[in-house]
Protein backbone atom coordinates (compact mmCIF):
# COMPACT_ATOMS: atom_id res chain seq x y z
CA MET A 1 157.51 -34.14 146.53
CA LEU A 2 159.52 -37.20 147.44
CA GLY A 3 157.23 -37.70 150.42
CA TRP A 4 154.17 -37.76 148.15
CA ALA A 5 155.85 -40.29 145.87
CA LEU A 6 156.62 -42.49 148.87
CA ALA A 7 153.03 -42.18 150.13
CA PHE A 8 151.58 -43.25 146.77
CA PHE A 9 154.07 -46.12 146.61
CA ILE A 10 152.94 -47.37 150.02
CA ILE A 11 149.29 -47.03 148.97
CA ALA A 12 150.08 -49.07 145.85
CA ILE A 13 151.71 -51.83 147.89
CA ILE A 14 148.80 -52.00 150.35
CA ALA A 15 146.25 -52.01 147.53
CA ALA A 16 148.16 -54.79 145.75
CA VAL A 17 148.22 -56.91 148.91
CA PHE A 18 144.45 -56.60 149.24
CA GLY A 19 143.88 -57.37 145.56
CA PHE A 20 142.83 -53.95 144.29
CA THR A 21 144.93 -54.17 141.14
CA GLY A 22 143.42 -51.12 139.44
CA ILE A 23 144.03 -48.87 142.41
CA ALA A 24 147.51 -50.35 142.89
CA ALA A 25 148.46 -49.70 139.26
CA GLY A 26 147.13 -46.14 139.42
CA ALA A 27 148.92 -45.34 142.66
CA ALA A 28 152.14 -46.89 141.37
CA SER A 29 152.04 -44.84 138.18
CA ILE A 30 151.40 -41.63 140.15
CA ALA A 31 154.31 -42.49 142.47
CA LYS A 32 156.57 -43.10 139.48
CA ILE A 33 155.64 -39.78 137.86
CA LEU A 34 156.15 -37.85 141.10
CA PHE A 35 159.51 -39.53 141.65
CA PHE A 36 160.78 -38.58 138.19
CA VAL A 37 159.51 -35.01 138.58
CA PHE A 38 161.38 -34.87 141.90
CA LEU A 39 164.56 -36.13 140.21
CA VAL A 40 164.33 -33.55 137.42
CA LEU A 41 163.78 -30.70 139.88
CA PHE A 42 166.61 -31.96 142.07
CA VAL A 43 169.07 -32.08 139.17
CA LEU A 44 167.99 -28.64 137.99
CA SER A 45 168.48 -27.19 141.46
CA LEU A 46 171.95 -28.74 141.62
CA ILE A 47 172.90 -27.27 138.25
CA PHE A 48 171.56 -23.80 139.07
CA GLY A 49 173.14 -23.95 142.52
CA MET A 50 176.56 -24.72 141.08
CA THR A 51 176.32 -21.95 138.49
CA LYS A 52 175.14 -19.44 141.09
CA GLY A 53 178.04 -20.34 143.39
CA ARG A 54 180.61 -19.64 140.67
CA SER A 55 179.69 -16.02 140.24
CA THR A 56 182.78 -13.78 140.03
CA ARG A 57 181.18 -10.49 141.04
CA VAL A 58 183.28 -8.28 143.28
């Protein structure tokens, strides 16, 4: 997911350099959404990973 966010960010930068402001804004907003979704999933996986590791089953 982070790779997709980076790809859309690069597309936004290239589109902005060439003057395609609409495409650049769209790609930047998609990159921002994907980045925040990645962050939420990453934090959730950290939380669930820590709780799973503390299991006291014998």
